[in-house]
Amino acid sequence: MGSPARAPRRLPPPLAAALVSLLLLAAAPLPAGAALHPVDYLALQAVRRALADLPGSRFFASWDFTADPCGFAGVSCSASPDGGSRVVALALGDPRAGAPGLAGAFPSAALARLPKLASLSLVPGRVTGSLAPAVAALPALRFLALAGNLLSGPLPPAFAPGLRTLDLSRNAFSGALPPAPLRLRDLRTLVLSHNALAGGIPPVRAPLVHLDLRGNRLAGGVPPLPATLVYLSLAGNRLSGWRRPGQRRRVRALELRRAAAGYRRSAAAEGGELRSCHGFGGTGEESESDEREKGRTASELAVVASVASQNHSTSAPNHRKRA
């Protein structure tokens, strides 16, 4: 007679549970978004939890995390040297003119975890909260536009050193205008209009071509402005004057109406908000170098205008998908 069959040995419960977990993990398909760096993947999930479409908007309809996040609306990625992809541009909200925006709390903590982010924009909507210094100073940031929302609090004391465009207009930022953005060596466009900024204008050392500070509570004199300036708007403040006619010659568009009485006005200035500088002490002559400067800056000004699409009936900038 043969020996009786032995009962199969049972694995200890902890080891059995671990083995089952490993088998399930091996059998489960990897999400398509696995190529995205895990930190960026989690950051995008946090952005999605913080924000929601306003009625009529379907911006987040494509944000299905079983798919590749680099294919989501508004998300652009680039290959990373250490493997995988990183988020380099984030355009939040439907950029079409008249489209509803987003609501919710501005996801500063999540955005601050995107170290390769070079472009961040948010269409006009009802997003609340503040702009955290960690977001404003992201090391790769070149373009930051959050116009037309309900953001409030003071402006950050520091900004990304390579920032070229900053548009925080039509929000509720308050407090003093910090010196930091006006010192950035690469900043070309600064739009802080229609907030509640108060105090004086710090010295301007950035090579600005577009400066819009209208509709705040700024007071005092206007400091010397860079020779690169093409557009200037200071209306709706409590400024005491700008008595540097030589600087005005290079400004092609000037809006001073409803600023304080220290400004010299021309008859043409009373008829509209935006006028050529020729009525404010300019010669009316444009050199060939001036025309080249205007050409170089036209594309940057167009980008800012497009981001504020729902305030000015234009379109927001297009972002390339994965590089």
Protein backbone atom coordinates (compact mmCIF):
# COMPACT_ATOMS: atom_id res chain seq x y z
CA MET A 1 0.00 0.00 0.00
CA GLY A 2 1.21 3.43 -0.82
CA SER A 3 1.88 6.02 1.81
CA PRO A 4 -1.11 8.32 2.59
CA ALA A 5 -1.16 11.60 0.71
CA ARG A 6 0.09 14.49 2.76
CA ALA A 7 -2.05 17.61 3.12
CA PRO A 8 -0.67 20.64 1.25
CA ARG A 9 1.28 23.04 3.40
CA ARG A 10 -0.35 26.38 4.05
CA LEU A 11 1.61 29.61 3.79
CA PRO A 12 1.65 31.77 6.88
CA PRO A 13 -1.16 34.36 6.58
CA PRO A 14 1.17 37.43 6.28
CA LEU A 15 3.23 35.76 3.54
CA ALA A 16 0.11 34.62 1.71
CA ALA A 17 -1.34 38.11 1.75
CA ALA A 18 1.89 39.57 0.41
CA LEU A 19 2.04 36.98 -2.38
CA VAL A 20 -1.55 37.70 -3.42
CA SER A 21 -0.80 41.40 -3.52
CA LEU A 22 2.25 40.84 -5.72
CA LEU A 23 0.28 38.64 -8.10
CA LEU A 24 -2.51 41.18 -8.39
CA LEU A 25 -0.01 43.95 -9.01
CA ALA A 26 1.74 41.96 -11.71
CA ALA A 27 -1.54 41.11 -13.42
CA ALA A 28 -2.88 44.67 -13.36
CA PRO A 29 -2.11 46.74 -16.46
CA LEU A 30 0.14 49.73 -15.89
CA PRO A 31 -1.63 53.06 -16.40
CA ALA A 32 -0.72 54.88 -19.57
CA GLY A 33 0.42 57.80 -17.45
CA ALA A 34 3.21 55.76 -15.85
CA ALA A 35 5.70 57.50 -18.15
CA LEU A 36 5.00 60.78 -16.37
CA HIS A 37 7.19 61.44 -13.35
CA PRO A 38 5.31 60.26 -10.23
CA VAL A 39 5.62 63.65 -8.53
CA ASP A 40 4.05 65.40 -11.50
CA TYR A 41 1.36 62.72 -11.74
CA LEU A 42 0.32 63.28 -8.13
CA ALA A 43 0.49 67.06 -8.56
CA LEU A 44 -1.96 66.92 -11.49
CA GLN A 45 -4.30 64.77 -9.43
CA ALA A 46 -4.23 67.41 -6.69
CA VAL A 47 -4.93 70.16 -9.24
CA ARG A 48 -7.96 68.20 -10.44
CA ARG A 49 -9.27 67.77 -6.90
CA ALA A 50 -8.90 71.49 -6.16
CA LEU A 51 -10.58 72.91 -9.28
CA ALA A 52 -13.87 72.29 -11.06
CA ASP A 53 -15.55 73.42 -14.25
CA LEU A 54 -18.05 76.24 -13.96
CA PRO A 55 -21.47 75.41 -15.47
CA GLY A 56 -21.10 75.10 -19.22
CA SER A 57 -17.39 74.27 -19.14
CA ARG A 58 -16.04 70.81 -19.99
CA PHE A 59 -12.35 71.54 -19.64
CA PHE A 60 -11.72 68.65 -17.22
CA ALA A 61 -13.64 66.10 -19.31
CA SER A 62 -10.37 64.72 -20.70
CA TRP A 63 -8.66 64.46 -17.32
CA ASP A 64 -9.08 60.70 -16.94
CA PHE A 65 -6.14 59.39 -14.97
CA THR A 66 -6.38 55.94 -16.52
CA ALA A 67 -4.92 57.62 -19.62
CA ASP A 68 -1.68 59.51 -20.20
CA PRO A 69 -1.88 62.88 -18.37
CA CYS A 70 0.35 64.41 -21.02
CA GLY A 71 -2.64 64.12 -23.34
CA PHE A 72 -4.98 66.03 -21.03
CA ALA A 73 -6.40 69.36 -22.16
CA GLY A 74 -4.02 72.14 -21.20
CA VAL A 75 -1.13 69.85 -20.19
CA SER A 76 2.16 69.84 -22.08
CA CYS A 77 5.07 67.57 -21.23
CA SER A 78 8.68 67.22 -22.20
CA ALA A 79 11.07 64.30 -21.95
CA SER A 80 13.26 64.38 -18.87
CA PRO A 81 16.97 63.42 -18.89
CA ASP A 82 16.35 61.11 -15.93
CA GLY A 83 13.66 59.23 -17.88
CA GLY A 84 9.95 59.72 -18.23
CA SER A 85 8.28 63.07 -18.79
CA ARG A 86 7.79 66.26 -16.79
CA VAL A 87 5.00 68.83 -17.03
CA VAL A 88 6.38 72.00 -18.64
CA ALA A 89 3.18 73.93 -19.41
CA LEU A 90 -0.21 74.06 -17.76
CA ALA A 91 -3.05 76.08 -19.32
CA LEU A 92 -6.02 75.68 -17.00
CA GLY A 93 -9.46 76.33 -18.46
CA ASP A 94 -11.09 76.57 -21.87
CA PRO A 95 -9.26 79.39 -23.71
CA ARG A 96 -12.07 80.16 -26.16
CA ALA A 97 -13.61 83.61 -25.84
CA GLY A 98 -16.80 83.55 -23.79
CA ALA A 99 -16.24 80.05 -22.42
CA PRO A 100 -16.87 79.55 -18.69
CA GLY A 101 -13.81 79.32 -16.51
CA LEU A 102 -13.00 77.31 -13.42
CA ALA A 103 -13.89 77.53 -9.74
CA GLY A 104 -12.23 76.32 -6.57
CA ALA A 105 -9.15 77.09 -4.53
CA PHE A 106 -5.93 77.90 -6.33
CA PRO A 107 -3.81 74.72 -5.91
CA SER A 108 -0.57 76.36 -4.84
CA ALA A 109 0.80 73.33 -2.98
CA ALA A 110 0.31 71.07 -6.00
CA LEU A 111 1.70 73.53 -8.54
CA ALA A 112 4.77 74.13 -6.42
CA ARG A 113 5.68 70.45 -6.95
CA LEU A 114 6.17 70.94 -10.71
CA PRO A 115 9.85 71.98 -10.89
CA LYS A 116 10.01 72.01 -14.71
CA LEU A 117 6.90 74.15 -15.18
CA ALA A 118 7.76 76.98 -17.57
CA SER A 119 4.28 78.27 -18.42
CA LEU A 120 1.24 78.54 -16.14
CA SER A 121 -2.00 80.19 -17.18
CA LEU A 122 -5.53 80.27 -15.79
CA VAL A 123 -8.49 81.56 -17.77
CA PRO A 124 -10.86 84.09 -16.13
CA GLY A 125 -13.20 82.39 -13.70
CA ARG A 126 -13.92 82.18 -9.98
CA VAL A 127 -10.75 80.67 -8.57
CA THR A 128 -9.98 81.93 -5.06
CA GLY A 129 -6.96 81.90 -2.80
CA SER A 130 -3.55 83.48 -2.94
CA LEU A 131 -0.43 83.20 -5.07
CA ALA A 132 2.09 81.32 -2.97
CA PRO A 133 5.74 82.39 -3.17
CA ALA A 134 6.68 78.80 -4.01
CA VAL A 135 4.61 78.99 -7.21
CA ALA A 136 5.72 82.48 -8.25
CA ALA A 137 9.36 81.48 -7.80
CA LEU A 138 9.31 78.12 -9.60
CA PRO A 139 12.82 77.94 -11.08
CA ALA A 140 11.82 77.20 -14.69
CA LEU A 141 8.85 79.58 -14.87
CA ARG A 142 8.86 82.00 -17.82
CA PHE A 143 5.17 82.78 -18.28
CA LEU A 144 2.62 83.35 -15.49
CA ALA A 145 -0.91 84.60 -16.27
CA LEU A 146 -3.78 84.28 -13.79
CA ALA A 147 -5.95 87.22 -14.84
CA GLY A 148 -9.66 87.63 -14.18
CA ASN A 149 -10.19 85.50 -11.07
CA LEU A 150 -10.75 86.09 -7.34
CA LEU A 151 -7.18 85.73 -6.13
CA SER A 152 -6.30 87.95 -3.19
CA GLY A 153 -3.69 88.75 -0.60
CA PRO A 154 -0.28 90.34 -1.08
CA LEU A 155 1.89 89.71 -4.09
CA PRO A 156 4.80 87.33 -3.43
CA PRO A 157 8.08 88.94 -2.41
CA ALA A 158 10.04 87.03 -5.07
CA PHE A 159 9.47 85.70 -8.57
CA ALA A 160 11.22 83.25 -10.88
CA PRO A 161 14.47 84.82 -12.09
CA GLY A 162 13.77 83.97 -15.75
CA LEU A 163 10.19 85.24 -15.83
CA ARG A 164 9.35 87.11 -19.06
CA THR A 165 5.59 87.65 -18.76
CA LEU A 166 3.55 88.29 -15.60
CA ASP A 167 -0.20 89.00 -15.80
CA LEU A 168 -2.14 89.05 -12.53
CA SER A 169 -4.71 91.63 -13.63
CA ARG A 170 -8.40 91.75 -12.61
CA ASN A 171 -8.02 89.99 -9.28
CA ALA A 172 -8.09 91.31 -5.71
CA PHE A 173 -4.40 91.45 -4.82
CA SER A 174 -3.67 94.10 -2.20
CA GLY A 175 -0.79 95.63 -0.31
CA ALA A 176 2.33 97.19 -1.71
CA LEU A 177 3.75 96.59 -5.16
CA PRO A 178 6.89 94.58 -4.32
CA PRO A 179 10.20 95.60 -5.88
CA ALA A 180 11.02 92.05 -6.99
CA PRO A 181 9.16 91.87 -10.34
CA LEU A 182 10.43 95.29 -11.35
CA ARG A 183 14.01 94.04 -10.96
CA LEU A 184 13.76 90.89 -13.09
CA ARG A 185 16.37 90.98 -15.84
CA ASP A 186 14.23 89.14 -18.41
CA LEU A 187 10.76 90.53 -17.63
CA ARG A 188 9.21 92.17 -20.69
CA THR A 189 5.49 92.28 -19.86
CA LEU A 190 4.02 93.25 -16.47
CA VAL A 191 0.22 93.55 -16.15
CA LEU A 192 -1.12 94.17 -12.63
CA SER A 193 -4.13 96.31 -13.54
CA HIS A 194 -7.47 96.29 -11.68
CA ASN A 195 -6.33 95.07 -8.29
CA ALA A 196 -6.06 96.94 -4.97
CA LEU A 197 -2.33 97.59 -4.87
CA ALA A 198 -1.33 100.65 -2.85
CA GLY A 199 1.75 102.72 -2.09
CA GLY A 200 4.40 103.87 -4.50
CA ILE A 201 5.94 102.39 -7.62
CA PRO A 202 9.38 100.98 -6.82
CA PRO A 203 12.34 101.66 -9.10
CA VAL A 204 11.97 99.93 -12.45
CA ARG A 205 15.07 98.05 -13.59
CA ALA A 206 13.43 95.35 -15.70
CA PRO A 207 13.63 95.85 -19.51
CA LEU A 208 9.86 96.17 -19.80
CA VAL A 209 8.09 96.78 -23.09
CA HIS A 210 4.56 96.59 -21.62
CA LEU A 211 3.62 98.01 -18.21
CA ASP A 212 -0.03 98.16 -17.10
CA LEU A 213 -0.77 99.32 -13.55
CA ARG A 214 -4.14 101.00 -14.12
CA GLY A 215 -7.04 100.68 -11.72
CA ASN A 216 -5.11 100.33 -8.45
CA ARG A 217 -4.49 102.68 -5.50
CA LEU A 218 -0.91 103.59 -6.28
CA ALA A 219 0.28 107.01 -5.16
CA GLY A 220 3.33 109.25 -5.38
CA GLY A 221 5.56 109.99 -8.31
CA VAL A 222 6.43 107.85 -11.29
CA PRO A 223 10.03 106.60 -11.25
CA PRO A 224 12.27 106.64 -14.30
CA LEU A 225 11.07 104.06 -16.79
CA PRO A 226 13.16 101.87 -19.13
CA ALA A 227 13.89 103.02 -22.66
CA THR A 228 12.52 99.68 -23.91
CA LEU A 229 8.94 100.62 -22.94
CA VAL A 230 6.35 100.52 -25.73
CA TYR A 231 3.04 100.43 -23.80
CA LEU A 232 2.31 102.24 -20.52
CA SER A 233 -0.97 102.51 -18.59
CA LEU A 234 -1.19 104.25 -15.21
CA ALA A 235 -4.82 105.45 -15.26
CA GLY A 236 -7.09 105.15 -12.25
CA ASN A 237 -4.41 105.66 -9.60
CA ARG A 238 -3.36 108.55 -7.34
CA LEU A 239 -0.03 109.25 -8.94
CA SER A 240 1.32 112.78 -8.85
CA GLY A 241 2.96 113.03 -12.25
CA TRP A 242 5.52 112.00 -14.79
CA ARG A 243 7.77 114.84 -15.88
CA ARG A 244 10.30 113.10 -18.08
CA PRO A 245 9.30 113.98 -21.65
CA GLY A 246 12.44 112.40 -23.06
CA GLN A 247 11.27 108.98 -21.91
CA ARG A 248 7.86 109.46 -23.47
CA ARG A 249 9.20 109.55 -26.97
CA ARG A 250 9.67 105.80 -27.16
CA VAL A 251 6.26 104.93 -25.68
CA ARG A 252 3.89 104.10 -28.55
CA ALA A 253 0.74 103.69 -26.44
CA LEU A 254 0.07 105.75 -23.35
CA GLU A 255 -2.92 105.75 -21.00
CA LEU A 256 -2.91 108.34 -18.23
CA ARG A 257 -6.56 109.41 -18.13
CA ARG A 258 -8.09 109.53 -14.63
CA ALA A 259 -4.67 109.56 -13.02
CA ALA A 260 -3.83 112.50 -10.77
CA ALA A 261 -3.74 116.07 -12.03
CA GLY A 262 0.05 116.27 -12.22
CA TYR A 263 0.01 114.82 -15.73
CA ARG A 264 0.22 117.10 -18.72
CA ARG A 265 -2.78 116.35 -20.94
CA SER A 266 -3.38 117.05 -24.58
CA ALA A 267 -6.72 117.58 -26.26
CA ALA A 268 -6.41 114.16 -27.85
CA ALA A 269 -6.00 112.48 -24.46
CA GLU A 270 -9.45 113.56 -23.31
CA GLY A 271 -11.13 111.62 -26.09
CA GLY A 272 -10.08 108.10 -25.13
CA GLU A 273 -8.09 105.87 -22.83
CA LEU A 274 -5.31 104.79 -25.14
CA ARG A 275 -3.41 107.38 -27.15
CA SER A 276 -0.17 107.70 -29.05
CA CYS A 277 2.62 109.29 -27.08
CA HIS A 278 2.87 112.01 -29.72
CA GLY A 279 0.48 114.12 -27.67
CA PHE A 280 2.62 113.76 -24.55
CA GLY A 281 5.90 115.29 -25.56
CA GLY A 282 7.06 112.88 -28.27
CA THR A 283 8.48 113.94 -31.60
CA GLY A 284 6.19 111.78 -33.73
CA GLU A 285 9.21 110.33 -35.51
CA GLU A 286 9.99 106.63 -35.45
CA SER A 287 13.44 105.39 -36.33
CA GLU A 288 14.20 102.10 -38.04
CA SER A 289 15.56 100.71 -34.76
CA ASP A 290 12.29 101.65 -33.04
CA GLU A 291 10.36 99.66 -35.63
CA ARG A 292 12.59 96.62 -35.08
CA GLU A 293 12.03 96.86 -31.32
CA LYS A 294 8.29 96.98 -31.84
CA GLY A 295 8.48 93.91 -34.05
CA ARG A 296 10.43 91.96 -31.45
CA THR A 297 7.90 92.69 -28.74
CA ALA A 298 4.69 92.25 -30.72
CA SER A 299 4.48 88.50 -30.17
CA GLU A 300 4.95 88.81 -26.41
CA LEU A 301 2.23 91.45 -26.13
CA ALA A 302 -0.08 89.27 -28.23
CA VAL A 303 0.39 86.36 -25.82
CA VAL A 304 -0.67 88.48 -22.85
CA ALA A 305 -3.70 89.77 -24.71
CA SER A 306 -4.73 86.25 -25.59
CA VAL A 307 -4.48 84.96 -22.02
CA ALA A 308 -6.90 87.68 -20.92
CA SER A 309 -9.25 86.47 -23.66
CA GLN A 310 -12.48 86.72 -21.76
CA ASN A 311 -11.75 90.25 -20.67
CA HIS A 312 -10.80 91.48 -24.13
CA SER A 313 -12.54 89.00 -26.51
CA THR A 314 -9.33 87.42 -27.77
CA SER A 315 -7.95 83.90 -27.68
CA ALA A 316 -5.50 82.39 -25.20
CA PRO A 317 -2.06 81.12 -26.28
CA ASN A 318 -1.74 77.65 -27.72
CA HIS A 319 0.56 75.22 -25.93
CA ARG A 320 2.42 72.44 -27.67
CA LYS A 321 1.73 68.95 -26.46
CA ARG A 322 4.49 66.59 -25.42
CA ALA A 323 7.85 67.63 -26.89
